[in-house]
PDB file of N, CA and C in Angstrom:
ATOM      1  N   UNK A   1      -9.497  -7.441 -10.712  1.00  0.00           N
ATOM      2  CA  UNK A   1     -10.304  -6.411 -10.905  1.00  0.00           C
ATOM      3  C   UNK A   1      -9.232  -5.106 -11.307  1.00  0.00           C
ATOM      4  N   UNK A   2      -9.790  -4.033 -11.873  1.00  0.00           N
ATOM      5  CA  UNK A   2      -9.023  -3.008 -12.143  1.00  0.00           C
ATOM      6  C   UNK A   2      -8.794  -2.069 -11.025  1.00  0.00           C
ATOM      7  N   UNK A   3      -9.723  -2.235  -9.878  1.00  0.00           N
ATOM      8  CA  UNK A   3      -9.234  -1.622  -8.557  1.00  0.00           C
ATOM      9  C   UNK A   3      -8.091  -2.279  -7.892  1.00  0.00           C
ATOM     10  N   UNK A   4      -8.338  -3.516  -7.755  1.00  0.00           N
ATOM     11  CA  UNK A   4      -7.210  -4.470  -7.602  1.00  0.00           C
ATOM     12  C   UNK A   4      -5.866  -4.178  -7.846  1.00  0.00           C
ATOM     13  N   UNK A   5      -5.835  -3.915  -9.482  1.00  0.00           N
ATOM     14  CA  UNK A   5      -4.319  -3.790  -9.616  1.00  0.00           C
ATOM     15  C   UNK A   5      -3.958  -2.170  -9.459  1.00  0.00           C
ATOM     16  N   UNK A   6      -4.702  -1.418  -9.390  1.00  0.00           N
ATOM     17  CA  UNK A   6      -4.598  -0.405  -9.099  1.00  0.00           C
ATOM     18  C   UNK A   6      -3.929   0.039  -7.370  1.00  0.00           C
ATOM     19  N   UNK A   7      -4.504  -0.843  -6.323  1.00  0.00           N
ATOM     20  CA  UNK A   7      -4.380  -0.807  -5.049  1.00  0.00           C
ATOM     21  C   UNK A   7      -2.955  -1.780  -4.877  1.00  0.00           C
ATOM     22  N   UNK A   8      -2.533  -2.809  -5.610  1.00  0.00           N
ATOM     23  CA  UNK A   8      -1.372  -3.287  -5.912  1.00  0.00           C
ATOM     24  C   UNK A   8      -0.392  -2.215  -6.184  1.00  0.00           C
ATOM     25  N   UNK A   9      -0.191  -1.896  -7.127  1.00  0.00           N
ATOM     26  CA  UNK A   9       0.421  -0.487  -7.877  1.00  0.00           C
ATOM     27  C   UNK A   9       0.720   0.169  -7.032  1.00  0.00           C
ATOM     28  N   UNK A  10      -0.129   0.851  -6.354  1.00  0.00           N
ATOM     29  CA  UNK A  10      -0.115   1.851  -5.051  1.00  0.00           C
ATOM     30  C   UNK A  10       1.105   1.145  -4.119  1.00  0.00           C
ATOM     31  N   UNK A  11       0.636  -0.013  -3.792  1.00  0.00           N
ATOM     32  CA  UNK A  11       1.661  -0.908  -2.461  1.00  0.00           C
ATOM     33  C   UNK A  11       3.003  -0.730  -2.751  1.00  0.00           C
ATOM     34  N   UNK A  12       3.581  -0.933  -4.353  1.00  0.00           N
ATOM     35  CA  UNK A  12       4.772  -0.876  -4.716  1.00  0.00           C
ATOM     36  C   UNK A  12       5.036   0.436  -4.741  1.00  0.00           C
ATOM     37  N   UNK A  13       4.300   1.386  -5.150  1.00  0.00           N
ATOM     38  CA  UNK A  13       4.878   2.582  -5.060  1.00  0.00           C
ATOM     39  C   UNK A  13       5.115   3.145  -3.432  1.00  0.00           C
ATOM     40  N   UNK A  14       4.164   3.047  -2.696  1.00  0.00           N
ATOM     41  CA  UNK A  14       4.508   3.048  -1.385  1.00  0.00           C
ATOM     42  C   UNK A  14       5.452   2.715  -0.777  1.00  0.00           C
ATOM     43  N   UNK A  15       5.978   1.175  -1.066  1.00  0.00           N
ATOM     44  CA  UNK A  15       7.026   0.613  -0.792  1.00  0.00           C
ATOM     45  C   UNK A  15       8.605   1.274  -0.645  1.00  0.00           C
ATOM     46  N   UNK A  16       8.450   1.565  -2.522  1.00  0.00           N
ATOM     47  CA  UNK A  16       9.511   2.214  -2.873  1.00  0.00           C
ATOM     48  C   UNK A  16       9.711   3.682  -2.003  1.00  0.00           C
ATOM     49  N   UNK A  17       8.559   4.383  -1.967  1.00  0.00           N
ATOM     50  CA  UNK A  17       8.603   5.445  -1.234  1.00  0.00           C
ATOM     51  C   UNK A  17       9.344   5.342  -0.013  1.00  0.00           C
ATOM     52  N   UNK A  18       8.333   4.559   1.131  1.00  0.00           N
ATOM     53  CA  UNK A  18       9.050   4.220   2.175  1.00  0.00           C
ATOM     54  C   UNK A  18      10.493   4.348   2.239  1.00  0.00           C
ATOM     55  N   UNK A  19      11.198   3.144   1.660  1.00  0.00           N
ATOM     56  CA  UNK A  19      12.655   3.009   1.284  1.00  0.00           C
ATOM     57  C   UNK A  19      13.506   4.254   1.030  1.00  0.00           C
ATOM     58  N   UNK A  20      12.624   4.855   0.091  1.00  0.00           N
ATOM     59  CA  UNK A  20      13.448   6.212  -0.209  1.00  0.00           C
ATOM     60  C   UNK A  20      13.539   7.480   0.828  1.00  0.00           C
ATOM     61  N   UNK A  21      12.483   7.399   1.507  1.00  0.00           N
ATOM     62  CA  UNK A  21      11.936   8.529   2.933  1.00  0.00           C
ATOM     63  C   UNK A  21      13.224   8.503   3.690  1.00  0.00           C
ATOM     64  N   UNK A  22      13.654   9.807   3.811  1.00  0.00           N
ATOM     65  CA  UNK A  22      14.781   9.887   4.853  1.00  0.00           C
ATOM     66  C   UNK A  22      14.384   9.929   6.531  1.00  0.00           C
ATOM     67  N   UNK A  23      12.932  10.224   6.654  1.00  0.00           N
ATOM     68  CA  UNK A  23      12.772  10.414   8.008  1.00  0.00           C
ATOM     69  C   UNK A  23      12.099   9.092   8.483  1.00  0.00           C
ATOM     70  N   UNK A  24      11.871   8.890   9.949  1.00  0.00           N
ATOM     71  CA  UNK A  24      11.096   7.603  10.643  1.00  0.00           C
ATOM     72  C   UNK A  24       9.322   8.110  10.198  1.00  0.00           C
ATOM     73  N   UNK A  25       9.254   9.120  10.460  1.00  0.00           N
ATOM     74  CA  UNK A  25       7.966   9.796  10.324  1.00  0.00           C
ATOM     75  C   UNK A  25       7.145   9.299   9.047  1.00  0.00           C
ATOM     76  N   UNK A  26       7.785   9.900   8.066  1.00  0.00           N
ATOM     77  CA  UNK A  26       7.707   9.662   6.701  1.00  0.00           C
ATOM     78  C   UNK A  26       7.408   7.956   6.301  1.00  0.00           C
ATOM     79  N   UNK A  27       8.512   7.114   6.563  1.00  0.00           N
ATOM     80  CA  UNK A  27       8.571   5.797   6.513  1.00  0.00           C
ATOM     81  C   UNK A  27       7.240   5.295   7.273  1.00  0.00           C
ATOM     82  N   UNK A  28       6.942   5.866   8.462  1.00  0.00           N
ATOM     83  CA  UNK A  28       5.596   5.244   9.222  1.00  0.00           C
ATOM     84  C   UNK A  28       4.428   5.719   8.226  1.00  0.00           C
ATOM     85  N   UNK A  29       4.384   6.724   7.609  1.00  0.00           N
ATOM     86  CA  UNK A  29       3.330   7.139   6.772  1.00  0.00           C
ATOM     87  C   UNK A  29       3.149   6.399   5.840  1.00  0.00           C
ATOM     88  N   UNK A  30       3.966   5.870   5.063  1.00  0.00           N
ATOM     89  CA  UNK A  30       4.012   5.240   4.013  1.00  0.00           C
ATOM     90  C   UNK A  30       3.469   3.528   4.424  1.00  0.00           C
ATOM     91  N   UNK A  31       4.257   3.037   5.293  1.00  0.00           N
ATOM     92  CA  UNK A  31       3.631   1.936   5.915  1.00  0.00           C
ATOM     93  C   UNK A  31       2.341   1.710   5.895  1.00  0.00           C
ATOM     94  N   UNK A  32       1.732   2.774   6.795  1.00  0.00           N
ATOM     95  CA  UNK A  32       0.293   2.748   7.195  1.00  0.00           C
ATOM     96  C   UNK A  32      -0.839   2.906   5.885  1.00  0.00           C
ATOM     97  N   UNK A  33      -0.043   3.335   4.592  1.00  0.00           N
ATOM     98  CA  UNK A  33      -0.973   3.474   3.291  1.00  0.00           C
ATOM     99  C   UNK A  33      -0.797   1.840   3.178  1.00  0.00           C
ATOM    100  N   UNK A  34       0.442   1.651   3.392  1.00  0.00           N
ATOM    101  CA  UNK A  34       0.712  -0.061   2.405  1.00  0.00           C
ATOM    102  C   UNK A  34      -0.456  -0.882   3.222  1.00  0.00           C
ATOM    103  N   UNK A  35      -0.464  -0.699   4.401  1.00  0.00           N
ATOM    104  CA  UNK A  35      -1.186  -1.711   5.061  1.00  0.00           C
ATOM    105  C   UNK A  35      -2.644  -1.489   4.826  1.00  0.00           C
ATOM    106  N   UNK A  36      -3.307  -0.051   4.676  1.00  0.00           N
ATOM    107  CA  UNK A  36      -4.656  -0.023   4.423  1.00  0.00           C
ATOM    108  C   UNK A  36      -4.905  -0.645   2.498  1.00  0.00           C
ATOM    109  N   UNK A  37      -4.165  -0.501   2.051  1.00  0.00           N
ATOM    110  CA  UNK A  37      -4.354  -0.910   0.372  1.00  0.00           C
ATOM    111  C   UNK A  37      -3.913  -2.316   0.697  1.00  0.00           C
ATOM    112  N   UNK A  38      -3.320  -2.775   1.539  1.00  0.00           N
ATOM    113  CA  UNK A  38      -3.065  -4.709   1.356  1.00  0.00           C
ATOM    114  C   UNK A  38      -4.408  -4.968   1.972  1.00  0.00           C
ATOM    115  N   UNK A  39      -5.083  -4.236   3.114  1.00  0.00           N
ATOM    116  CA  UNK A  39      -6.469  -4.736   3.916  1.00  0.00           C
ATOM    117  C   UNK A  39      -7.326  -4.742   2.404  1.00  0.00           C
ATOM    118  N   UNK A  40      -7.395  -3.895   1.855  1.00  0.00           N
ATOM    119  CA  UNK A  40      -8.391  -3.642   0.675  1.00  0.00           C
ATOM    120  C   UNK A  40      -7.963  -4.685  -0.746  1.00  0.00           C
ATOM    121  N   UNK A  41      -7.162  -4.784  -0.502  1.00  0.00           N
ATOM    122  CA  UNK A  41      -6.425  -6.064  -1.703  1.00  0.00           C
ATOM    123  C   UNK A  41      -7.226  -7.391  -1.110  1.00  0.00           C
ATOM    124  N   UNK A  42      -6.898  -7.858   0.205  1.00  0.00           N
ATOM    125  CA  UNK A  42      -7.389  -9.009   0.790  1.00  0.00           C
ATOM    126  C   UNK A  42      -8.935  -9.112   1.023  1.00  0.00           C
ATOM    127  N   UNK A  43      -9.518  -8.042   1.189  1.00  0.00           N
ATOM    128  CA  UNK A  43     -11.062  -7.982   1.144  1.00  0.00           C
ATOM    129  C   UNK A  43     -11.336  -8.418  -0.057  1.00  0.00           C
ATOM    130  N   UNK A  44     -10.945  -7.599  -1.095  1.00  0.00           N
ATOM    131  CA  UNK A  44     -11.314  -8.074  -2.506  1.00  0.00           C
ATOM    132  C   UNK A  44     -11.287  -8.901  -2.877  1.00  0.00           C
ATOM    133  N   UNK A  45     -10.253  -9.734  -2.606  1.00  0.00           N
ATOM    134  CA  UNK A  45      -9.927 -11.305  -3.106  1.00  0.00           C
ATOM    135  C   UNK A  45     -10.687 -12.087  -2.569  1.00  0.00           C
ATOM    136  N   UNK A  46     -11.497 -11.637  -1.374  1.00  0.00           N
ATOM    137  CA  UNK A  46     -12.112 -12.396  -0.468  1.00  0.00           C
ATOM    138  C   UNK A  46     -13.680 -12.323  -0.970  1.00  0.00           C
ATOM    139  N   UNK A  47     -14.147 -11.217  -1.855  1.00  0.00           N
ATOM    140  CA  UNK A  47     -15.068 -11.002  -2.313  1.00  0.00           C
ATOM    141  C   UNK A  47     -15.970 -10.324  -1.208  1.00  0.00           C
ATOM    142  N   UNK A  48     -14.953  -9.374  -0.525  1.00  0.00           N
ATOM    143  CA  UNK A  48     -15.992  -8.965   0.655  1.00  0.00           C
ATOM    144  C   UNK A  48     -16.389  -7.445   0.250  1.00  0.00           C
TER     145      UNK A  48
END
């Protein structure tokens, strides 16, 4: 679905941002966003 594609694109962006972040707090923030989006992707793929 379109929302699934957007969430996957967001995960890639958050991963890149996390890798470039200079501070550990910012890295943790992007990691949390990646986990949330990944959960959304899994739920969508399971049809929930």
